[in-house]
Amino acid sequence: MSVYTPAEVVEETGFTHDTLRYYEKIGLLQPVARNGAGQRRFTEEQLDWLGTIRCLRDTGMPIAEMLRFAALVRDGDHTIPDRIALLQTHEVRVREQIATLRDRQRYIHGKITYYRRLI
């Protein structure tokens, strides 16, 4: 089993040390084991989970919903329908955000086109 130092996890995930400690403190990340010297060591599973959290965070899922999702995952496979429902709701929000960004992009493109005509 591979283990990772906090520095390696920071490099891999882009989260800061403080964010990792915060996620562990609030229960979004399972407690991180320590080696004999008391240094934190992350597992491959925790690293994969942080990839999921990165995706959810980057797409705007509130921490309360991420905590709900984490609890569902910890509760076992019988919660899969609830996980699907939570992720589907989030996916709808992401789709709406993308549509809004596309509208904004078209507007900006229109402004660029307008200004280019002026020079």
PDB file of N, CA and C in Angstrom:
ATOM      1  N   MET A   1       0.844  -1.184   0.000  1.00  0.00           N
ATOM      2  CA  MET A   1       0.000   0.000   0.000  1.00  0.00           C
ATOM      3  C   MET A   1       0.888   1.246   0.000  1.00  0.00           C
ATOM      4  N   SER A   2       0.598   2.152  -0.900  1.00  0.00           N
ATOM      5  CA  SER A   2       1.352   3.402  -0.981  1.00  0.00           C
ATOM      6  C   SER A   2       0.880   4.379   0.079  1.00  0.00           C
ATOM      7  N   VAL A   3       1.824   5.115   0.623  1.00  0.00           N
ATOM      8  CA  VAL A   3       1.493   6.199   1.545  1.00  0.00           C
ATOM      9  C   VAL A   3       2.152   7.470   1.040  1.00  0.00           C
ATOM     10  N   TYR A   4       1.535   8.588   1.390  1.00  0.00           N
ATOM     11  CA  TYR A   4       1.982   9.878   0.878  1.00  0.00           C
ATOM     12  C   TYR A   4       2.161  10.859   2.027  1.00  0.00           C
ATOM     13  N   THR A   5       3.186  11.668   1.916  1.00  0.00           N
ATOM     14  CA  THR A   5       3.418  12.720   2.896  1.00  0.00           C
ATOM     15  C   THR A   5       2.448  13.865   2.623  1.00  0.00           C
ATOM     16  N   PRO A   6       2.228  14.715   3.601  1.00  0.00           N
ATOM     17  CA  PRO A   6       1.389  15.877   3.350  1.00  0.00           C
ATOM     18  C   PRO A   6       1.885  16.716   2.164  1.00  0.00           C
ATOM     19  N   ALA A   7       3.193  16.860   2.037  1.00  0.00           N
ATOM     20  CA  ALA A   7       3.736  17.655   0.920  1.00  0.00           C
ATOM     21  C   ALA A   7       3.378  17.014  -0.422  1.00  0.00           C
ATOM     22  N   GLU A   8       3.443  15.697  -0.484  1.00  0.00           N
ATOM     23  CA  GLU A   8       3.081  15.012  -1.726  1.00  0.00           C
ATOM     24  C   GLU A   8       1.599  15.174  -2.033  1.00  0.00           C
ATOM     25  N   VAL A   9       0.768  15.136  -1.007  1.00  0.00           N
ATOM     26  CA  VAL A   9      -0.675  15.302  -1.196  1.00  0.00           C
ATOM     27  C   VAL A   9      -0.990  16.729  -1.642  1.00  0.00           C
ATOM     28  N   VAL A  10      -0.314  17.692  -1.047  1.00  0.00           N
ATOM     29  CA  VAL A  10      -0.483  19.093  -1.469  1.00  0.00           C
ATOM     30  C   VAL A  10      -0.125  19.232  -2.946  1.00  0.00           C
ATOM     31  N   GLU A  11       0.992  18.643  -3.332  1.00  0.00           N
ATOM     32  CA  GLU A  11       1.444  18.716  -4.729  1.00  0.00           C
ATOM     33  C   GLU A  11       0.445  18.044  -5.664  1.00  0.00           C
ATOM     34  N   GLU A  12      -0.047  16.905  -5.269  1.00  0.00           N
ATOM     35  CA  GLU A  12      -0.950  16.116  -6.119  1.00  0.00           C
ATOM     36  C   GLU A  12      -2.337  16.736  -6.243  1.00  0.00           C
ATOM     37  N   THR A  13      -2.869  17.267  -5.126  1.00  0.00           N
ATOM     38  CA  THR A  13      -4.262  17.728  -5.108  1.00  0.00           C
ATOM     39  C   THR A  13      -4.427  19.229  -5.306  1.00  0.00           C
ATOM     40  N   GLY A  14      -3.395  19.992  -4.958  1.00  0.00           N
ATOM     41  CA  GLY A  14      -3.528  21.441  -5.018  1.00  0.00           C
ATOM     42  C   GLY A  14      -4.142  22.041  -3.763  1.00  0.00           C
ATOM     43  N   PHE A  15      -4.549  21.200  -2.830  1.00  0.00           N
ATOM     44  CA  PHE A  15      -5.059  21.706  -1.555  1.00  0.00           C
ATOM     45  C   PHE A  15      -3.872  22.157  -0.700  1.00  0.00           C
ATOM     46  N   THR A  16      -4.096  23.135   0.145  1.00  0.00           N
ATOM     47  CA  THR A  16      -3.052  23.561   1.066  1.00  0.00           C
ATOM     48  C   THR A  16      -3.027  22.633   2.278  1.00  0.00           C
ATOM     49  N   HIS A  17      -1.939  22.708   3.044  1.00  0.00           N
ATOM     50  CA  HIS A  17      -1.851  21.941   4.289  1.00  0.00           C
ATOM     51  C   HIS A  17      -3.015  22.305   5.206  1.00  0.00           C
ATOM     52  N   ASP A  18      -3.306  23.599   5.296  1.00  0.00           N
ATOM     53  CA  ASP A  18      -4.396  24.053   6.161  1.00  0.00           C
ATOM     54  C   ASP A  18      -5.737  23.471   5.718  1.00  0.00           C
ATOM     55  N   THR A  19      -5.966  23.420   4.415  1.00  0.00           N
ATOM     56  CA  THR A  19      -7.222  22.866   3.905  1.00  0.00           C
ATOM     57  C   THR A  19      -7.318  21.386   4.238  1.00  0.00           C
ATOM     58  N   LEU A  20      -6.230  20.654   4.081  1.00  0.00           N
ATOM     59  CA  LEU A  20      -6.241  19.231   4.418  1.00  0.00           C
ATOM     60  C   LEU A  20      -6.559  19.018   5.896  1.00  0.00           C
ATOM     61  N   ARG A  21      -5.943  19.812   6.760  1.00  0.00           N
ATOM     62  CA  ARG A  21      -6.219  19.698   8.195  1.00  0.00           C
ATOM     63  C   ARG A  21      -7.674  20.058   8.489  1.00  0.00           C
ATOM     64  N   TYR A  22      -8.174  21.097   7.828  1.00  0.00           N
ATOM     65  CA  TYR A  22      -9.567  21.506   8.019  1.00  0.00           C
ATOM     66  C   TYR A  22     -10.527  20.402   7.581  1.00  0.00           C
ATOM     67  N   TYR A  23     -10.288  19.828   6.419  1.00  0.00           N
ATOM     68  CA  TYR A  23     -11.158  18.753   5.929  1.00  0.00           C
ATOM     69  C   TYR A  23     -11.141  17.561   6.879  1.00  0.00           C
ATOM     70  N   GLU A  24      -9.996  17.284   7.459  1.00  0.00           N
ATOM     71  CA  GLU A  24      -9.924  16.194   8.433  1.00  0.00           C
ATOM     72  C   GLU A  24     -10.686  16.571   9.701  1.00  0.00           C
ATOM     73  N   LYS A  25     -10.523  17.810  10.143  1.00  0.00           N
ATOM     74  CA  LYS A  25     -11.171  18.276  11.374  1.00  0.00           C
ATOM     75  C   LYS A  25     -12.692  18.214  11.276  1.00  0.00           C
ATOM     76  N   ILE A  26     -13.249  18.593  10.101  1.00  0.00           N
ATOM     77  CA  ILE A  26     -14.715  18.625   9.982  1.00  0.00           C
ATOM     78  C   ILE A  26     -15.293  17.276   9.557  1.00  0.00           C
ATOM     79  N   GLY A  27     -14.427  16.315   9.280  1.00  0.00           N
ATOM     80  CA  GLY A  27     -14.904  14.987   8.929  1.00  0.00           C
ATOM     81  C   GLY A  27     -15.104  14.746   7.443  1.00  0.00           C
ATOM     82  N   LEU A  28     -14.676  15.669   6.625  1.00  0.00           N
ATOM     83  CA  LEU A  28     -14.775  15.465   5.179  1.00  0.00           C
ATOM     84  C   LEU A  28     -13.722  14.458   4.723  1.00  0.00           C
ATOM     85  N   LEU A  29     -12.634  14.400   5.453  1.00  0.00           N
ATOM     86  CA  LEU A  29     -11.558  13.454   5.203  1.00  0.00           C
ATOM     87  C   LEU A  29     -11.411  12.598   6.464  1.00  0.00           C
ATOM     88  N   GLN A  30     -11.345  11.299   6.273  1.00  0.00           N
ATOM     89  CA  GLN A  30     -11.158  10.397   7.413  1.00  0.00           C
ATOM     90  C   GLN A  30      -9.847  10.733   8.122  1.00  0.00           C
ATOM     91  N   PRO A  31      -9.743  10.444   9.408  1.00  0.00           N
ATOM     92  CA  PRO A  31      -8.501  10.739  10.136  1.00  0.00           C
ATOM     93  C   PRO A  31      -7.278  10.152   9.425  1.00  0.00           C
ATOM     94  N   VAL A  32      -6.246  10.959   9.381  1.00  0.00           N
ATOM     95  CA  VAL A  32      -5.015  10.574   8.702  1.00  0.00           C
ATOM     96  C   VAL A  32      -4.097   9.885   9.712  1.00  0.00           C
ATOM     97  N   ALA A  33      -3.594   8.708   9.336  1.00  0.00           N
ATOM     98  CA  ALA A  33      -2.691   7.959  10.209  1.00  0.00           C
ATOM     99  C   ALA A  33      -1.351   8.678  10.327  1.00  0.00           C
ATOM    100  N   ARG A  34      -0.647   8.316  11.348  1.00  0.00           N
ATOM    101  CA  ARG A  34       0.683   8.885  11.574  1.00  0.00           C
ATOM    102  C   ARG A  34       1.699   7.755  11.659  1.00  0.00           C
ATOM    103  N   ASN A  35       2.908   8.069  11.217  1.00  0.00           N
ATOM    104  CA  ASN A  35       3.976   7.070  11.325  1.00  0.00           C
ATOM    105  C   ASN A  35       4.547   7.097  12.739  1.00  0.00           C
ATOM    106  N   GLY A  36       5.594   6.311  12.983  1.00  0.00           N
ATOM    107  CA  GLY A  36       6.199   6.225  14.312  1.00  0.00           C
ATOM    108  C   GLY A  36       6.715   7.544  14.839  1.00  0.00           C
ATOM    109  N   ALA A  37       7.086   8.445  13.934  1.00  0.00           N
ATOM    110  CA  ALA A  37       7.591   9.756  14.342  1.00  0.00           C
ATOM    111  C   ALA A  37       6.465  10.785  14.499  1.00  0.00           C
ATOM    112  N   GLY A  38       5.218  10.333  14.309  1.00  0.00           N
ATOM    113  CA  GLY A  38       4.079  11.249  14.461  1.00  0.00           C
ATOM    114  C   GLY A  38       3.764  12.059  13.221  1.00  0.00           C
ATOM    115  N   GLN A  39       4.416  11.738  12.112  1.00  0.00           N
ATOM    116  CA  GLN A  39       4.174  12.470  10.863  1.00  0.00           C
ATOM    117  C   GLN A  39       2.957  11.876  10.151  1.00  0.00           C
ATOM    118  N   ARG A  40       2.134  12.739   9.607  1.00  0.00           N
ATOM    119  CA  ARG A  40       0.921  12.300   8.918  1.00  0.00           C
ATOM    120  C   ARG A  40       1.276  11.580   7.621  1.00  0.00           C
ATOM    121  N   ARG A  41       0.548  10.492   7.349  1.00  0.00           N
ATOM    122  CA  ARG A  41       0.740   9.711   6.131  1.00  0.00           C
ATOM    123  C   ARG A  41      -0.624   9.389   5.540  1.00  0.00           C
ATOM    124  N   PHE A  42      -0.825   9.833   4.311  1.00  0.00           N
ATOM    125  CA  PHE A  42      -2.091   9.638   3.610  1.00  0.00           C
ATOM    126  C   PHE A  42      -2.040   8.350   2.802  1.00  0.00           C
ATOM    127  N   THR A  43      -3.184   7.689   2.687  1.00  0.00           N
ATOM    128  CA  THR A  43      -3.272   6.465   1.889  1.00  0.00           C
ATOM    129  C   THR A  43      -3.693   6.797   0.460  1.00  0.00           C
ATOM    130  N   GLU A  44      -3.544   5.822  -0.403  1.00  0.00           N
ATOM    131  CA  GLU A  44      -3.997   5.951  -1.790  1.00  0.00           C
ATOM    132  C   GLU A  44      -5.500   6.231  -1.816  1.00  0.00           C
ATOM    133  N   GLU A  45      -6.240   5.562  -0.958  1.00  0.00           N
ATOM    134  CA  GLU A  45      -7.688   5.766  -0.875  1.00  0.00           C
ATOM    135  C   GLU A  45      -8.019   7.204  -0.495  1.00  0.00           C
ATOM    136  N   GLN A  46      -7.287   7.755   0.465  1.00  0.00           N
ATOM    137  CA  GLN A  46      -7.515   9.152   0.862  1.00  0.00           C
ATOM    138  C   GLN A  46      -7.157  10.103  -0.273  1.00  0.00           C
ATOM    139  N   LEU A  47      -6.102   9.793  -0.985  1.00  0.00           N
ATOM    140  CA  LEU A  47      -5.712  10.620  -2.124  1.00  0.00           C
ATOM    141  C   LEU A  47      -6.801  10.593  -3.195  1.00  0.00           C
ATOM    142  N   ASP A  48      -7.352   9.415  -3.481  1.00  0.00           N
ATOM    143  CA  ASP A  48      -8.452   9.300  -4.439  1.00  0.00           C
ATOM    144  C   ASP A  48      -9.670  10.088  -3.967  1.00  0.00           C
ATOM    145  N   TRP A  49      -9.978   9.983  -2.672  1.00  0.00           N
ATOM    146  CA  TRP A  49     -11.116  10.708  -2.114  1.00  0.00           C
ATOM    147  C   TRP A  49     -10.912  12.222  -2.255  1.00  0.00           C
ATOM    148  N   LEU A  50      -9.696  12.672  -2.024  1.00  0.00           N
ATOM    149  CA  LEU A  50      -9.412  14.104  -2.182  1.00  0.00           C
ATOM    150  C   LEU A  50      -9.605  14.541  -3.630  1.00  0.00           C
ATOM    151  N   GLY A  51      -9.360  13.653  -4.588  1.00  0.00           N
ATOM    152  CA  GLY A  51      -9.659  13.964  -5.986  1.00  0.00           C
ATOM    153  C   GLY A  51     -11.149  14.194  -6.194  1.00  0.00           C
ATOM    154  N   THR A  52     -11.963  13.378  -5.535  1.00  0.00           N
ATOM    155  CA  THR A  52     -13.421  13.566  -5.602  1.00  0.00           C
ATOM    156  C   THR A  52     -13.812  14.897  -4.984  1.00  0.00           C
ATOM    157  N   ILE A  53     -13.251  15.183  -3.817  1.00  0.00           N
ATOM    158  CA  ILE A  53     -13.558  16.445  -3.125  1.00  0.00           C
ATOM    159  C   ILE A  53     -13.114  17.633  -3.979  1.00  0.00           C
ATOM    160  N   ARG A  54     -11.972  17.531  -4.622  1.00  0.00           N
ATOM    161  CA  ARG A  54     -11.481  18.606  -5.499  1.00  0.00           C
ATOM    162  C   ARG A  54     -12.502  18.866  -6.604  1.00  0.00           C
ATOM    163  N   CYS A  55     -12.991  17.803  -7.232  1.00  0.00           N
ATOM    164  CA  CYS A  55     -13.968  17.948  -8.302  1.00  0.00           C
ATOM    165  C   CYS A  55     -15.245  18.619  -7.792  1.00  0.00           C
ATOM    166  N   LEU A  56     -15.748  18.144  -6.668  1.00  0.00           N
ATOM    167  CA  LEU A  56     -16.987  18.700  -6.127  1.00  0.00           C
ATOM    168  C   LEU A  56     -16.790  20.158  -5.723  1.00  0.00           C
ATOM    169  N   ARG A  57     -15.675  20.449  -5.089  1.00  0.00           N
ATOM    170  CA  ARG A  57     -15.395  21.829  -4.668  1.00  0.00           C
ATOM    171  C   ARG A  57     -15.236  22.752  -5.873  1.00  0.00           C
ATOM    172  N   ASP A  58     -14.470  22.292  -6.875  1.00  0.00           N
ATOM    173  CA  ASP A  58     -14.224  23.124  -8.050  1.00  0.00           C
ATOM    174  C   ASP A  58     -15.495  23.388  -8.855  1.00  0.00           C
ATOM    175  N   THR A  59     -16.490  22.527  -8.686  1.00  0.00           N
ATOM    176  CA  THR A  59     -17.754  22.736  -9.408  1.00  0.00           C
ATOM    177  C   THR A  59     -18.807  23.386  -8.520  1.00  0.00           C
ATOM    178  N   GLY A  60     -18.379  23.878  -7.364  1.00  0.00           N
ATOM    179  CA  GLY A  60     -19.249  24.718  -6.550  1.00  0.00           C
ATOM    180  C   GLY A  60     -20.126  24.013  -5.538  1.00  0.00           C
ATOM    181  N   MET A  61     -19.875  22.737  -5.245  1.00  0.00           N
ATOM    182  CA  MET A  61     -20.706  22.073  -4.246  1.00  0.00           C
ATOM    183  C   MET A  61     -20.380  22.659  -2.864  1.00  0.00           C
ATOM    184  N   PRO A  62     -21.415  23.069  -2.131  1.00  0.00           N
ATOM    185  CA  PRO A  62     -21.185  23.597  -0.781  1.00  0.00           C
ATOM    186  C   PRO A  62     -20.609  22.512   0.144  1.00  0.00           C
ATOM    187  N   ILE A  63     -19.851  22.941   1.133  1.00  0.00           N
ATOM    188  CA  ILE A  63     -19.241  22.004   2.068  1.00  0.00           C
ATOM    189  C   ILE A  63     -20.299  21.153   2.763  1.00  0.00           C
ATOM    190  N   ALA A  64     -21.431  21.739   3.112  1.00  0.00           N
ATOM    191  CA  ALA A  64     -22.477  20.956   3.776  1.00  0.00           C
ATOM    192  C   ALA A  64     -22.911  19.772   2.902  1.00  0.00           C
ATOM    193  N   GLU A  65     -23.011  19.988   1.598  1.00  0.00           N
ATOM    194  CA  GLU A  65     -23.376  18.894   0.704  1.00  0.00           C
ATOM    195  C   GLU A  65     -22.236  17.894   0.558  1.00  0.00           C
ATOM    196  N   MET A  66     -21.001  18.386   0.536  1.00  0.00           N
ATOM    197  CA  MET A  66     -19.864  17.464   0.482  1.00  0.00           C
ATOM    198  C   MET A  66     -19.830  16.599   1.734  1.00  0.00           C
ATOM    199  N   LEU A  67     -20.133  17.187   2.886  1.00  0.00           N
ATOM    200  CA  LEU A  67     -20.186  16.422   4.130  1.00  0.00           C
ATOM    201  C   LEU A  67     -21.288  15.373   4.079  1.00  0.00           C
ATOM    202  N   ARG A  68     -22.424  15.749   3.519  1.00  0.00           N
ATOM    203  CA  ARG A  68     -23.533  14.788   3.358  1.00  0.00           C
ATOM    204  C   ARG A  68     -23.096  13.642   2.450  1.00  0.00           C
ATOM    205  N   PHE A  69     -22.444  13.966   1.345  1.00  0.00           N
ATOM    206  CA  PHE A  69     -21.966  12.946   0.418  1.00  0.00           C
ATOM    207  C   PHE A  69     -20.957  12.027   1.116  1.00  0.00           C
ATOM    208  N   ALA A  70     -20.034  12.609   1.865  1.00  0.00           N
ATOM    209  CA  ALA A  70     -19.033  11.819   2.588  1.00  0.00           C
ATOM    210  C   ALA A  70     -19.705  10.873   3.581  1.00  0.00           C
ATOM    211  N   ALA A  71     -20.712  11.363   4.277  1.00  0.00           N
ATOM    212  CA  ALA A  71     -21.428  10.508   5.235  1.00  0.00           C
ATOM    213  C   ALA A  71     -22.124   9.362   4.517  1.00  0.00           C
ATOM    214  N   LEU A  72     -22.711   9.651   3.372  1.00  0.00           N
ATOM    215  CA  LEU A  72     -23.373   8.595   2.601  1.00  0.00           C
ATOM    216  C   LEU A  72     -22.369   7.535   2.155  1.00  0.00           C
ATOM    217  N   VAL A  73     -21.207   7.967   1.695  1.00  0.00           N
ATOM    218  CA  VAL A  73     -20.180   7.020   1.265  1.00  0.00           C
ATOM    219  C   VAL A  73     -19.764   6.141   2.441  1.00  0.00           C
ATOM    220  N   ARG A  74     -19.543   6.758   3.601  1.00  0.00           N
ATOM    221  CA  ARG A  74     -19.120   5.999   4.783  1.00  0.00           C
ATOM    222  C   ARG A  74     -20.202   5.021   5.255  1.00  0.00           C
ATOM    223  N   ASP A  75     -21.460   5.372   5.006  1.00  0.00           N
ATOM    224  CA  ASP A  75     -22.567   4.526   5.478  1.00  0.00           C
ATOM    225  C   ASP A  75     -22.751   3.260   4.654  1.00  0.00           C
ATOM    226  N   GLY A  76     -22.095   3.171   3.512  1.00  0.00           N
ATOM    227  CA  GLY A  76     -22.132   1.913   2.770  1.00  0.00           C
ATOM    228  C   GLY A  76     -22.959   1.949   1.494  1.00  0.00           C
ATOM    229  N   ASP A  77     -22.955   0.804   0.818  1.00  0.00           N
ATOM    230  CA  ASP A  77     -23.563   0.698  -0.502  1.00  0.00           C
ATOM    231  C   ASP A  77     -25.069   0.912  -0.515  1.00  0.00           C
ATOM    232  N   HIS A  78     -25.736   0.697   0.615  1.00  0.00           N
ATOM    233  CA  HIS A  78     -27.187   0.910   0.615  1.00  0.00           C
ATOM    234  C   HIS A  78     -27.552   2.385   0.403  1.00  0.00           C
ATOM    235  N   THR A  79     -26.555   3.285   0.482  1.00  0.00           N
ATOM    236  CA  THR A  79     -26.815   4.717   0.280  1.00  0.00           C
ATOM    237  C   THR A  79     -26.570   5.158  -1.161  1.00  0.00           C
ATOM    238  N   ILE A  80     -26.256   4.213  -2.034  1.00  0.00           N
ATOM    239  CA  ILE A  80     -25.950   4.586  -3.421  1.00  0.00           C
ATOM    240  C   ILE A  80     -27.091   5.374  -4.073  1.00  0.00           C
ATOM    241  N   PRO A  81     -28.364   4.991  -3.906  1.00  0.00           N
ATOM    242  CA  PRO A  81     -29.430   5.814  -4.503  1.00  0.00           C
ATOM    243  C   PRO A  81     -29.416   7.263  -4.005  1.00  0.00           C
ATOM    244  N   ASP A  82     -29.129   7.453  -2.718  1.00  0.00           N
ATOM    245  CA  ASP A  82     -29.048   8.814  -2.171  1.00  0.00           C
ATOM    246  C   ASP A  82     -27.855   9.576  -2.738  1.00  0.00           C
ATOM    247  N   ARG A  83     -26.753   8.872  -2.937  1.00  0.00           N
ATOM    248  CA  ARG A  83     -25.569   9.507  -3.538  1.00  0.00           C
ATOM    249  C   ARG A  83     -25.877   9.947  -4.964  1.00  0.00           C
ATOM    250  N   ILE A  84     -26.535   9.070  -5.698  1.00  0.00           N
ATOM    251  CA  ILE A  84     -26.902   9.404  -7.079  1.00  0.00           C
ATOM    252  C   ILE A  84     -27.778  10.646  -7.094  1.00  0.00           C
ATOM    253  N   ALA A  85     -28.770  10.700  -6.224  1.00  0.00           N
ATOM    254  CA  ALA A  85     -29.680  11.853  -6.176  1.00  0.00           C
ATOM    255  C   ALA A  85     -28.922  13.134  -5.853  1.00  0.00           C
ATOM    256  N   LEU A  86     -28.019  13.063  -4.882  1.00  0.00           N
ATOM    257  CA  LEU A  86     -27.239  14.243  -4.514  1.00  0.00           C
ATOM    258  C   LEU A  86     -26.380  14.707  -5.689  1.00  0.00           C
ATOM    259  N   LEU A  87     -25.714  13.764  -6.350  1.00  0.00           N
ATOM    260  CA  LEU A  87     -24.857  14.119  -7.484  1.00  0.00           C
ATOM    261  C   LEU A  87     -25.666  14.615  -8.680  1.00  0.00           C
ATOM    262  N   GLN A  88     -26.846  14.061  -8.892  1.00  0.00           N
ATOM    263  CA  GLN A  88     -27.690  14.541 -10.000  1.00  0.00           C
ATOM    264  C   GLN A  88     -28.122  15.984  -9.762  1.00  0.00           C
ATOM    265  N   THR A  89     -28.487  16.299  -8.533  1.00  0.00           N
ATOM    266  CA  THR A  89     -28.857  17.681  -8.199  1.00  0.00           C
ATOM    267  C   THR A  89     -27.677  18.606  -8.447  1.00  0.00           C
ATOM    268  N   HIS A  90     -26.504  18.174  -8.044  1.00  0.00           N
ATOM    269  CA  HIS A  90     -25.308  18.989  -8.261  1.00  0.00           C
ATOM    270  C   HIS A  90     -25.012  19.132  -9.752  1.00  0.00           C
ATOM    271  N   GLU A  91     -25.181  18.048 -10.498  1.00  0.00           N
ATOM    272  CA  GLU A  91     -24.915  18.103 -11.939  1.00  0.00           C
ATOM    273  C   GLU A  91     -25.824  19.112 -12.637  1.00  0.00           C
ATOM    274  N   VAL A  92     -27.071  19.205 -12.207  1.00  0.00           N
ATOM    275  CA  VAL A  92     -27.986  20.199 -12.785  1.00  0.00           C
ATOM    276  C   VAL A  92     -27.445  21.602 -12.537  1.00  0.00           C
ATOM    277  N   ARG A  93     -26.973  21.856 -11.318  1.00  0.00           N
ATOM    278  CA  ARG A  93     -26.394  23.180 -11.020  1.00  0.00           C
ATOM    279  C   ARG A  93     -25.171  23.455 -11.879  1.00  0.00           C
ATOM    280  N   VAL A  94     -24.333  22.438 -12.068  1.00  0.00           N
ATOM    281  CA  VAL A  94     -23.133  22.607 -12.892  1.00  0.00           C
ATOM    282  C   VAL A  94     -23.538  22.921 -14.328  1.00  0.00           C
ATOM    283  N   ARG A  95     -24.520  22.205 -14.846  1.00  0.00           N
ATOM    284  CA  ARG A  95     -24.995  22.480 -16.213  1.00  0.00           C
ATOM    285  C   ARG A  95     -25.482  23.918 -16.339  1.00  0.00           C
ATOM    286  N   GLU A  96     -26.203  24.386 -15.338  1.00  0.00           N
ATOM    287  CA  GLU A  96     -26.701  25.768 -15.348  1.00  0.00           C
ATOM    288  C   GLU A  96     -25.546  26.759 -15.313  1.00  0.00           C
ATOM    289  N   GLN A  97     -24.519  26.463 -14.516  1.00  0.00           N
ATOM    290  CA  GLN A  97     -23.339  27.333 -14.453  1.00  0.00           C
ATOM    291  C   GLN A  97     -22.637  27.389 -15.809  1.00  0.00           C
ATOM    292  N   ILE A  98     -22.533  26.244 -16.447  1.00  0.00           N
ATOM    293  CA  ILE A  98     -21.889  26.189 -17.765  1.00  0.00           C
ATOM    294  C   ILE A  98     -22.687  27.005 -18.776  1.00  0.00           C
ATOM    295  N   ALA A  99     -24.001  26.877 -18.743  1.00  0.00           N
ATOM    296  CA  ALA A  99     -24.841  27.651 -19.662  1.00  0.00           C
ATOM    297  C   ALA A  99     -24.660  29.147 -19.423  1.00  0.00           C
ATOM    298  N   THR A 100     -24.603  29.541 -18.176  1.00  0.00           N
ATOM    299  CA  THR A 100     -24.392  30.957 -17.849  1.00  0.00           C
ATOM    300  C   THR A 100     -23.034  31.425 -18.354  1.00  0.00           C
ATOM    301  N   LEU A 101     -22.008  30.618 -18.155  1.00  0.00           N
ATOM    302  CA  LEU A 101     -20.674  30.975 -18.643  1.00  0.00           C
ATOM    303  C   LEU A 101     -20.641  31.075 -20.161  1.00  0.00           C
ATOM    304  N   ARG A 102     -21.356  30.190 -20.844  1.00  0.00           N
ATOM    305  CA  ARG A 102     -21.397  30.272 -22.306  1.00  0.00           C
ATOM    306  C   ARG A 102     -22.059  31.564 -22.752  1.00  0.00           C
ATOM    307  N   ASP A 103     -23.124  31.957 -22.069  1.00  0.00           N
ATOM    308  CA  ASP A 103     -23.781  33.235 -22.380  1.00  0.00           C
ATOM    309  C   ASP A 103     -22.814  34.394 -22.173  1.00  0.00           C
ATOM    310  N   ARG A 104     -22.091  34.362 -21.065  1.00  0.00           N
ATOM    311  CA  ARG A 104     -21.117  35.430 -20.783  1.00  0.00           C
ATOM    312  C   ARG A 104     -20.001  35.434 -21.821  1.00  0.00           C
ATOM    313  N   GLN A 105     -19.575  34.251 -22.235  1.00  0.00           N
ATOM    314  CA  GLN A 105     -18.531  34.157 -23.246  1.00  0.00           C
ATOM    315  C   GLN A 105     -19.010  34.764 -24.565  1.00  0.00           C
ATOM    316  N   ARG A 106     -20.233  34.465 -24.960  1.00  0.00           N
ATOM    317  CA  ARG A 106     -20.774  35.051 -26.205  1.00  0.00           C
ATOM    318  C   ARG A 106     -20.823  36.572 -26.104  1.00  0.00           C
ATOM    319  N   TYR A 107     -21.213  37.082 -24.952  1.00  0.00           N
ATOM    320  CA  TYR A 107     -21.258  38.525 -24.752  1.00  0.00           C
ATOM    321  C   TYR A 107     -19.861  39.124 -24.898  1.00  0.00           C
ATOM    322  N   ILE A 108     -18.890  38.517 -24.218  1.00  0.00           N
ATOM    323  CA  ILE A 108     -17.511  39.011 -24.303  1.00  0.00           C
ATOM    324  C   ILE A 108     -17.004  38.944 -25.730  1.00  0.00           C
ATOM    325  N   HIS A 109     -17.279  37.851 -26.419  1.00  0.00           N
ATOM    326  CA  HIS A 109     -16.863  37.723 -27.813  1.00  0.00           C
ATOM    327  C   HIS A 109     -17.481  38.833 -28.664  1.00  0.00           C
ATOM    328  N   GLY A 110     -18.742  39.128 -28.399  1.00  0.00           N
ATOM    329  CA  GLY A 110     -19.396  40.228 -29.111  1.00  0.00           C
ATOM    330  C   GLY A 110     -18.702  41.555 -28.863  1.00  0.00           C
ATOM    331  N   LYS A 111     -18.295  41.809 -27.649  1.00  0.00           N
ATOM    332  CA  LYS A 111     -17.575  43.049 -27.319  1.00  0.00           C
ATOM    333  C   LYS A 111     -16.228  43.092 -28.038  1.00  0.00           C
ATOM    334  N   ILE A 112     -15.529  41.971 -28.061  1.00  0.00           N
ATOM    335  CA  ILE A 112     -14.243  41.922 -28.764  1.00  0.00           C
ATOM    336  C   ILE A 112     -14.447  42.238 -30.240  1.00  0.00           C
ATOM    337  N   THR A 113     -15.444  41.617 -30.829  1.00  0.00           N
ATOM    338  CA  THR A 113     -15.750  41.860 -32.245  1.00  0.00           C
ATOM    339  C   THR A 113     -16.074  43.331 -32.477  1.00  0.00           C
ATOM    340  N   TYR A 114     -16.887  43.913 -31.609  1.00  0.00           N
ATOM    341  CA  TYR A 114     -17.255  45.324 -31.720  1.00  0.00           C
ATOM    342  C   TYR A 114     -16.011  46.211 -31.651  1.00  0.00           C
ATOM    343  N   TYR A 115     -15.152  45.993 -30.652  1.00  0.00           N
ATOM    344  CA  TYR A 115     -13.981  46.831 -30.494  1.00  0.00           C
ATOM    345  C   TYR A 115     -12.974  46.657 -31.619  1.00  0.00           C
ATOM    346  N   ARG A 116     -12.883  45.470 -32.154  1.00  0.00           N
ATOM    347  CA  ARG A 116     -11.967  45.244 -33.279  1.00  0.00           C
ATOM    348  C   ARG A 116     -12.411  46.045 -34.510  1.00  0.00           C
ATOM    349  N   ARG A 117     -13.687  46.208 -34.664  1.00  0.00           N
ATOM    350  CA  ARG A 117     -14.189  47.006 -35.786  1.00  0.00           C
ATOM    351  C   ARG A 117     -13.835  48.479 -35.657  1.00  0.00           C
ATOM    352  N   LEU A 118     -13.585  48.901 -34.448  1.00  0.00           N
ATOM    353  CA  LEU A 118     -13.284  50.307 -34.210  1.00  0.00           C
ATOM    354  C   LEU A 118     -11.831  50.650 -34.484  1.00  0.00           C
ATOM    355  N   ILE A 119     -10.978  49.682 -34.632  1.00  0.00           N
ATOM    356  CA  ILE A 119      -9.556  49.992 -34.849  1.00  0.00           C
ATOM    357  C   ILE A 119      -9.151  49.723 -36.283  1.00  0.00           C
TER     358      ILE A 119
END
